[in-house]
């Protein structure tokens, strides 16, 4: 769907839509990254302040965690 991504959780029968920026974050999360790393990478790609980038990234990450679409990994 263009730059957007639609995912389906078959176990819950729910669809999740990610806009273009959320889709970029999803792709960046292919390998584990900290929020700081994500913010730095996103600021290189988009014209956004660090504060706005961090707030919106943290919000998306929390939403993905709440829906159990992603998992956190603790440092060893």
PDB file of N, CA and C in Angstrom:
ATOM      1  N   UNK A   1       0.833  -1.182   0.000  1.00  0.00           N
ATOM      2  CA  UNK A   1       0.000   0.000   0.000  1.00  0.00           C
ATOM      3  C   UNK A   1       0.879   1.247   0.000  1.00  0.00           C
ATOM      4  N   UNK A   2       1.641   1.441  -1.043  1.00  0.00           N
ATOM      5  CA  UNK A   2       2.531   2.595  -1.110  1.00  0.00           C
ATOM      6  C   UNK A   2       3.623   2.474  -0.086  1.00  0.00           C
ATOM      7  N   UNK A   3       3.828   3.542   0.687  1.00  0.00           N
ATOM      8  CA  UNK A   3       4.840   3.545   1.745  1.00  0.00           C
ATOM      9  C   UNK A   3       4.291   3.007   3.059  1.00  0.00           C
ATOM     10  N   UNK A   4       3.007   2.672   3.090  1.00  0.00           N
ATOM     11  CA  UNK A   4       2.389   2.185   4.308  1.00  0.00           C
ATOM     12  C   UNK A   4       2.445   0.668   4.360  1.00  0.00           C
ATOM     13  N   UNK A   5       2.313   0.143   5.572  1.00  0.00           N
ATOM     14  CA  UNK A   5       2.366  -1.295   5.779  1.00  0.00           C
ATOM     15  C   UNK A   5       1.137  -1.705   6.568  1.00  0.00           C
ATOM     16  N   UNK A   6       0.502  -2.769   6.158  1.00  0.00           N
ATOM     17  CA  UNK A   6      -0.628  -3.329   6.891  1.00  0.00           C
ATOM     18  C   UNK A   6      -0.229  -4.723   7.336  1.00  0.00           C
ATOM     19  N   UNK A   7      -0.381  -4.976   8.636  1.00  0.00           N
ATOM     20  CA  UNK A   7      -0.044  -6.283   9.194  1.00  0.00           C
ATOM     21  C   UNK A   7      -1.294  -6.870   9.819  1.00  0.00           C
ATOM     22  N   UNK A   8      -1.340  -8.187   9.884  1.00  0.00           N
ATOM     23  CA  UNK A   8      -2.477  -8.842  10.510  1.00  0.00           C
ATOM     24  C   UNK A   8      -1.988  -9.773  11.598  1.00  0.00           C
ATOM     25  N   UNK A   9      -2.627  -9.683  12.752  1.00  0.00           N
ATOM     26  CA  UNK A   9      -2.383 -10.623  13.841  1.00  0.00           C
ATOM     27  C   UNK A   9      -3.474 -11.684  13.729  1.00  0.00           C
ATOM     28  N   UNK A  10      -3.136 -12.813  13.146  1.00  0.00           N
ATOM     29  CA  UNK A  10      -4.118 -13.859  12.890  1.00  0.00           C
ATOM     30  C   UNK A  10      -4.709 -14.419  14.182  1.00  0.00           C
ATOM     31  N   UNK A  11      -3.906 -14.473  15.239  1.00  0.00           N
ATOM     32  CA  UNK A  11      -4.402 -15.043  16.492  1.00  0.00           C
ATOM     33  C   UNK A  11      -5.471 -14.165  17.129  1.00  0.00           C
ATOM     34  N   UNK A  12      -5.390 -12.841  16.910  1.00  0.00           N
ATOM     35  CA  UNK A  12      -6.370 -11.922  17.494  1.00  0.00           C
ATOM     36  C   UNK A  12      -7.347 -11.397  16.447  1.00  0.00           C
ATOM     37  N   UNK A  13      -7.093 -11.698  15.178  1.00  0.00           N
ATOM     38  CA  UNK A  13      -7.964 -11.218  14.114  1.00  0.00           C
ATOM     39  C   UNK A  13      -7.950  -9.709  13.975  1.00  0.00           C
ATOM     40  N   UNK A  14      -6.798  -9.090  14.243  1.00  0.00           N
ATOM     41  CA  UNK A  14      -6.687  -7.640  14.179  1.00  0.00           C
ATOM     42  C   UNK A  14      -5.704  -7.242  13.089  1.00  0.00           C
ATOM     43  N   UNK A  15      -6.009  -6.092  12.476  1.00  0.00           N
ATOM     44  CA  UNK A  15      -5.112  -5.501  11.492  1.00  0.00           C
ATOM     45  C   UNK A  15      -4.409  -4.306  12.113  1.00  0.00           C
ATOM     46  N   UNK A  16      -3.170  -4.089  11.720  1.00  0.00           N
ATOM     47  CA  UNK A  16      -2.398  -2.951  12.174  1.00  0.00           C
ATOM     48  C   UNK A  16      -1.896  -2.208  10.949  1.00  0.00           C
ATOM     49  N   UNK A  17      -2.131  -0.930  10.903  1.00  0.00           N
ATOM     50  CA  UNK A  17      -1.640  -0.116   9.804  1.00  0.00           C
ATOM     51  C   UNK A  17      -0.501   0.771  10.276  1.00  0.00           C
ATOM     52  N   UNK A  18       0.581   0.779   9.529  1.00  0.00           N
ATOM     53  CA  UNK A  18       1.727   1.620   9.853  1.00  0.00           C
ATOM     54  C   UNK A  18       1.905   2.634   8.727  1.00  0.00           C
ATOM     55  N   UNK A  19       1.992   3.917   9.101  1.00  0.00           N
ATOM     56  CA  UNK A  19       2.230   4.941   8.084  1.00  0.00           C
ATOM     57  C   UNK A  19       3.671   4.837   7.589  1.00  0.00           C
ATOM     58  N   UNK A  20       4.048   5.706   6.685  1.00  0.00           N
ATOM     59  CA  UNK A  20       5.369   5.621   6.049  1.00  0.00           C
ATOM     60  C   UNK A  20       6.504   5.675   7.072  1.00  0.00           C
ATOM     61  N   UNK A  21       6.418   6.570   8.052  1.00  0.00           N
ATOM     62  CA  UNK A  21       7.487   6.689   9.051  1.00  0.00           C
ATOM     63  C   UNK A  21       7.504   5.464   9.961  1.00  0.00           C
ATOM     64  N   UNK A  22       6.334   5.018  10.396  1.00  0.00           N
ATOM     65  CA  UNK A  22       6.255   3.819  11.233  1.00  0.00           C
ATOM     66  C   UNK A  22       6.787   2.603  10.474  1.00  0.00           C
ATOM     67  N   UNK A  23       6.554   2.569   9.181  1.00  0.00           N
ATOM     68  CA  UNK A  23       7.078   1.488   8.352  1.00  0.00           C
ATOM     69  C   UNK A  23       8.610   1.508   8.346  1.00  0.00           C
ATOM     70  N   UNK A  24       9.203   2.696   8.281  1.00  0.00           N
ATOM     71  CA  UNK A  24      10.665   2.816   8.338  1.00  0.00           C
ATOM     72  C   UNK A  24      11.167   2.282   9.683  1.00  0.00           C
ATOM     73  N   UNK A  25      10.486   2.651  10.770  1.00  0.00           N
ATOM     74  CA  UNK A  25      10.882   2.169  12.100  1.00  0.00           C
ATOM     75  C   UNK A  25      10.782   0.645  12.139  1.00  0.00           C
ATOM     76  N   UNK A  26       9.697   0.105  11.609  1.00  0.00           N
ATOM     77  CA  UNK A  26       9.508  -1.348  11.568  1.00  0.00           C
ATOM     78  C   UNK A  26      10.687  -2.013  10.858  1.00  0.00           C
ATOM     79  N   UNK A  27      11.093  -1.451   9.734  1.00  0.00           N
ATOM     80  CA  UNK A  27      12.210  -2.011   8.978  1.00  0.00           C
ATOM     81  C   UNK A  27      13.515  -1.894   9.763  1.00  0.00           C
ATOM     82  N   UNK A  28      13.700  -0.772  10.464  1.00  0.00           N
ATOM     83  CA  UNK A  28      14.913  -0.590  11.260  1.00  0.00           C
ATOM     84  C   UNK A  28      14.983  -1.588  12.416  1.00  0.00           C
ATOM     85  N   UNK A  29      13.818  -2.040  12.882  1.00  0.00           N
ATOM     86  CA  UNK A  29      13.774  -2.976  14.001  1.00  0.00           C
ATOM     87  C   UNK A  29      14.037  -4.420  13.579  1.00  0.00           C
ATOM     88  N   UNK A  30      14.394  -4.618  12.320  1.00  0.00           N
ATOM     89  CA  UNK A  30      14.736  -5.963  11.863  1.00  0.00           C
ATOM     90  C   UNK A  30      15.860  -6.533  12.729  1.00  0.00           C
ATOM     91  N   UNK A  31      16.784  -5.667  13.114  1.00  0.00           N
ATOM     92  CA  UNK A  31      17.837  -6.029  14.069  1.00  0.00           C
ATOM     93  C   UNK A  31      17.597  -5.200  15.331  1.00  0.00           C
ATOM     94  N   UNK A  32      17.872  -5.754  16.497  1.00  0.00           N
ATOM     95  CA  UNK A  32      17.625  -5.018  17.744  1.00  0.00           C
ATOM     96  C   UNK A  32      18.342  -3.666  17.767  1.00  0.00           C
ATOM     97  N   UNK A  33      17.623  -2.656  18.230  1.00  0.00           N
ATOM     98  CA  UNK A  33      18.171  -1.301  18.352  1.00  0.00           C
ATOM     99  C   UNK A  33      17.569  -0.641  19.574  1.00  0.00           C
ATOM    100  N   UNK A  34      18.318   0.248  20.179  1.00  0.00           N
ATOM    101  CA  UNK A  34      17.790   1.037  21.284  1.00  0.00           C
ATOM    102  C   UNK A  34      16.969   2.191  20.714  1.00  0.00           C
ATOM    103  N   UNK A  35      16.174   2.806  21.564  1.00  0.00           N
ATOM    104  CA  UNK A  35      15.410   3.981  21.143  1.00  0.00           C
ATOM    105  C   UNK A  35      16.366   5.077  20.702  1.00  0.00           C
ATOM    106  N   UNK A  36      17.473   5.245  21.414  1.00  0.00           N
ATOM    107  CA  UNK A  36      18.465   6.258  21.037  1.00  0.00           C
ATOM    108  C   UNK A  36      18.987   6.017  19.620  1.00  0.00           C
ATOM    109  N   UNK A  37      19.270   4.762  19.291  1.00  0.00           N
ATOM    110  CA  UNK A  37      19.744   4.437  17.945  1.00  0.00           C
ATOM    111  C   UNK A  37      18.672   4.733  16.903  1.00  0.00           C
ATOM    112  N   UNK A  38      17.427   4.364  17.206  1.00  0.00           N
ATOM    113  CA  UNK A  38      16.338   4.637  16.276  1.00  0.00           C
ATOM    114  C   UNK A  38      16.180   6.132  16.030  1.00  0.00           C
ATOM    115  N   UNK A  39      16.196   6.908  17.104  1.00  0.00           N
ATOM    116  CA  UNK A  39      16.029   8.359  16.979  1.00  0.00           C
ATOM    117  C   UNK A  39      17.133   8.947  16.118  1.00  0.00           C
ATOM    118  N   UNK A  40      18.351   8.528  16.362  1.00  0.00           N
ATOM    119  CA  UNK A  40      19.479   9.040  15.580  1.00  0.00           C
ATOM    120  C   UNK A  40      19.315   8.707  14.094  1.00  0.00           C
ATOM    121  N   UNK A  41      18.935   7.478  13.799  1.00  0.00           N
ATOM    122  CA  UNK A  41      18.766   7.063  12.406  1.00  0.00           C
ATOM    123  C   UNK A  41      17.599   7.799  11.744  1.00  0.00           C
ATOM    124  N   UNK A  42      16.514   7.980  12.470  1.00  0.00           N
ATOM    125  CA  UNK A  42      15.347   8.667  11.910  1.00  0.00           C
ATOM    126  C   UNK A  42      15.631  10.139  11.648  1.00  0.00           C
ATOM    127  N   UNK A  43      16.398  10.769  12.532  1.00  0.00           N
ATOM    128  CA  UNK A  43      16.723  12.179  12.345  1.00  0.00           C
ATOM    129  C   UNK A  43      17.598  12.386  11.111  1.00  0.00           C
ATOM    130  N   UNK A  44      18.350  11.366  10.725  1.00  0.00           N
ATOM    131  CA  UNK A  44      19.152  11.451   9.504  1.00  0.00           C
ATOM    132  C   UNK A  44      18.275  11.362   8.255  1.00  0.00           C
ATOM    133  N   UNK A  45      17.115  10.708   8.380  1.00  0.00           N
ATOM    134  CA  UNK A  45      16.234  10.500   7.231  1.00  0.00           C
ATOM    135  C   UNK A  45      15.121  11.545   7.114  1.00  0.00           C
ATOM    136  N   UNK A  46      14.715  12.121   8.252  1.00  0.00           N
ATOM    137  CA  UNK A  46      13.562  13.024   8.259  1.00  0.00           C
ATOM    138  C   UNK A  46      13.919  14.360   8.899  1.00  0.00           C
ATOM    139  N   UNK A  47      13.272  15.405   8.438  1.00  0.00           N
ATOM    140  CA  UNK A  47      13.460  16.749   8.986  1.00  0.00           C
ATOM    141  C   UNK A  47      12.543  16.897  10.200  1.00  0.00           C
ATOM    142  N   UNK A  48      13.059  16.522  11.374  1.00  0.00           N
ATOM    143  CA  UNK A  48      12.269  16.504  12.591  1.00  0.00           C
ATOM    144  C   UNK A  48      13.178  16.849  13.769  1.00  0.00           C
ATOM    145  N   UNK A  49      12.601  17.494  14.778  1.00  0.00           N
ATOM    146  CA  UNK A  49      13.400  17.808  15.971  1.00  0.00           C
ATOM    147  C   UNK A  49      13.639  16.529  16.764  1.00  0.00           C
ATOM    148  N   UNK A  50      14.697  16.541  17.548  1.00  0.00           N
ATOM    149  CA  UNK A  50      15.002  15.365  18.359  1.00  0.00           C
ATOM    150  C   UNK A  50      13.872  15.077  19.341  1.00  0.00           C
ATOM    151  N   UNK A  51      13.307  16.107  19.950  1.00  0.00           N
ATOM    152  CA  UNK A  51      12.228  15.925  20.922  1.00  0.00           C
ATOM    153  C   UNK A  51      11.014  15.262  20.266  1.00  0.00           C
ATOM    154  N   UNK A  52      10.574  15.783  19.136  1.00  0.00           N
ATOM    155  CA  UNK A  52       9.416  15.214  18.453  1.00  0.00           C
ATOM    156  C   UNK A  52       9.700  13.788  17.994  1.00  0.00           C
ATOM    157  N   UNK A  53      10.874  13.568  17.451  1.00  0.00           N
ATOM    158  CA  UNK A  53      11.253  12.247  16.969  1.00  0.00           C
ATOM    159  C   UNK A  53      11.238  11.240  18.119  1.00  0.00           C
ATOM    160  N   UNK A  54      11.828  11.613  19.242  1.00  0.00           N
ATOM    161  CA  UNK A  54      11.885  10.722  20.403  1.00  0.00           C
ATOM    162  C   UNK A  54      10.486  10.423  20.930  1.00  0.00           C
ATOM    163  N   UNK A  55       9.652  11.461  21.073  1.00  0.00           N
ATOM    164  CA  UNK A  55       8.307  11.267  21.612  1.00  0.00           C
ATOM    165  C   UNK A  55       7.486  10.341  20.721  1.00  0.00           C
ATOM    166  N   UNK A  56       7.520  10.577  19.427  1.00  0.00           N
ATOM    167  CA  UNK A  56       6.711   9.784  18.511  1.00  0.00           C
ATOM    168  C   UNK A  56       7.258   8.363  18.361  1.00  0.00           C
ATOM    169  N   UNK A  57       8.571   8.219  18.408  1.00  0.00           N
ATOM    170  CA  UNK A  57       9.178   6.888  18.336  1.00  0.00           C
ATOM    171  C   UNK A  57       8.823   6.083  19.578  1.00  0.00           C
ATOM    172  N   UNK A  58       8.942   6.699  20.742  1.00  0.00           N
ATOM    173  CA  UNK A  58       8.604   6.008  21.987  1.00  0.00           C
ATOM    174  C   UNK A  58       7.131   5.622  22.020  1.00  0.00           C
ATOM    175  N   UNK A  59       6.258   6.484  21.512  1.00  0.00           N
ATOM    176  CA  UNK A  59       4.828   6.181  21.458  1.00  0.00           C
ATOM    177  C   UNK A  59       4.576   4.965  20.571  1.00  0.00           C
ATOM    178  N   UNK A  60       5.170   4.939  19.382  1.00  0.00           N
ATOM    179  CA  UNK A  60       4.985   3.805  18.484  1.00  0.00           C
ATOM    180  C   UNK A  60       5.530   2.524  19.110  1.00  0.00           C
ATOM    181  N   UNK A  61       6.721   2.598  19.685  1.00  0.00           N
ATOM    182  CA  UNK A  61       7.323   1.415  20.320  1.00  0.00           C
ATOM    183  C   UNK A  61       6.399   0.884  21.410  1.00  0.00           C
ATOM    184  N   UNK A  62       5.836   1.780  22.220  1.00  0.00           N
ATOM    185  CA  UNK A  62       4.934   1.343  23.287  1.00  0.00           C
ATOM    186  C   UNK A  62       3.681   0.690  22.722  1.00  0.00           C
ATOM    187  N   UNK A  63       3.141   1.250  21.647  1.00  0.00           N
ATOM    188  CA  UNK A  63       1.963   0.663  21.015  1.00  0.00           C
ATOM    189  C   UNK A  63       2.275  -0.734  20.475  1.00  0.00           C
ATOM    190  N   UNK A  64       3.430  -0.894  19.860  1.00  0.00           N
ATOM    191  CA  UNK A  64       3.828  -2.203  19.331  1.00  0.00           C
ATOM    192  C   UNK A  64       4.054  -3.206  20.462  1.00  0.00           C
ATOM    193  N   UNK A  65       4.631  -2.735  21.571  1.00  0.00           N
ATOM    194  CA  UNK A  65       4.822  -3.605  22.733  1.00  0.00           C
ATOM    195  C   UNK A  65       3.477  -4.019  23.326  1.00  0.00           C
ATOM    196  N   UNK A  66       2.561  -3.051  23.462  1.00  0.00           N
ATOM    197  CA  UNK A  66       1.242  -3.338  24.036  1.00  0.00           C
ATOM    198  C   UNK A  66       0.489  -4.381  23.222  1.00  0.00           C
ATOM    199  N   UNK A  67       0.650  -4.341  21.914  1.00  0.00           N
ATOM    200  CA  UNK A  67      -0.038  -5.283  21.030  1.00  0.00           C
ATOM    201  C   UNK A  67       0.773  -6.560  20.818  1.00  0.00           C
ATOM    202  N   UNK A  68       1.919  -6.632  21.504  1.00  0.00           N
ATOM    203  CA  UNK A  68       2.808  -7.799  21.441  1.00  0.00           C
ATOM    204  C   UNK A  68       3.292  -8.087  20.017  1.00  0.00           C
ATOM    205  N   UNK A  69       3.498  -7.007  19.255  1.00  0.00           N
ATOM    206  CA  UNK A  69       4.029  -7.130  17.902  1.00  0.00           C
ATOM    207  C   UNK A  69       5.551  -7.191  17.951  1.00  0.00           C
ATOM    208  N   UNK A  70       6.135  -6.559  18.965  1.00  0.00           N
ATOM    209  CA  UNK A  70       7.583  -6.612  19.189  1.00  0.00           C
ATOM    210  C   UNK A  70       7.839  -6.990  20.641  1.00  0.00           C
ATOM    211  N   UNK A  71       9.049  -7.395  20.920  1.00  0.00           N
ATOM    212  CA  UNK A  71       9.479  -7.736  22.271  1.00  0.00           C
ATOM    213  C   UNK A  71      10.700  -6.902  22.626  1.00  0.00           C
ATOM    214  N   UNK A  72      10.890  -6.657  23.903  1.00  0.00           N
ATOM    215  CA  UNK A  72      12.102  -5.961  24.334  1.00  0.00           C
ATOM    216  C   UNK A  72      13.176  -6.995  24.637  1.00  0.00           C
ATOM    217  N   UNK A  73      14.403  -6.532  24.531  1.00  0.00           N
ATOM    218  CA  UNK A  73      15.543  -7.383  24.809  1.00  0.00           C
ATOM    219  C   UNK A  73      16.403  -6.646  25.809  1.00  0.00           C
ATOM    220  N   UNK A  74      16.783  -7.304  26.891  1.00  0.00           N
ATOM    221  CA  UNK A  74      17.622  -6.657  27.885  1.00  0.00           C
ATOM    222  C   UNK A  74      19.083  -6.880  27.531  1.00  0.00           C
ATOM    223  N   UNK A  75      19.890  -5.894  27.899  1.00  0.00           N
ATOM    224  CA  UNK A  75      21.338  -5.992  27.624  1.00  0.00           C
ATOM    225  C   UNK A  75      21.933  -7.058  28.532  1.00  0.00           C
ATOM    226  N   UNK A  76      22.892  -7.806  28.011  1.00  0.00           N
ATOM    227  CA  UNK A  76      23.529  -8.880  28.784  1.00  0.00           C
ATOM    228  C   UNK A  76      24.616  -8.329  29.655  1.00  0.00           C
TER     229      UNK A  76
END
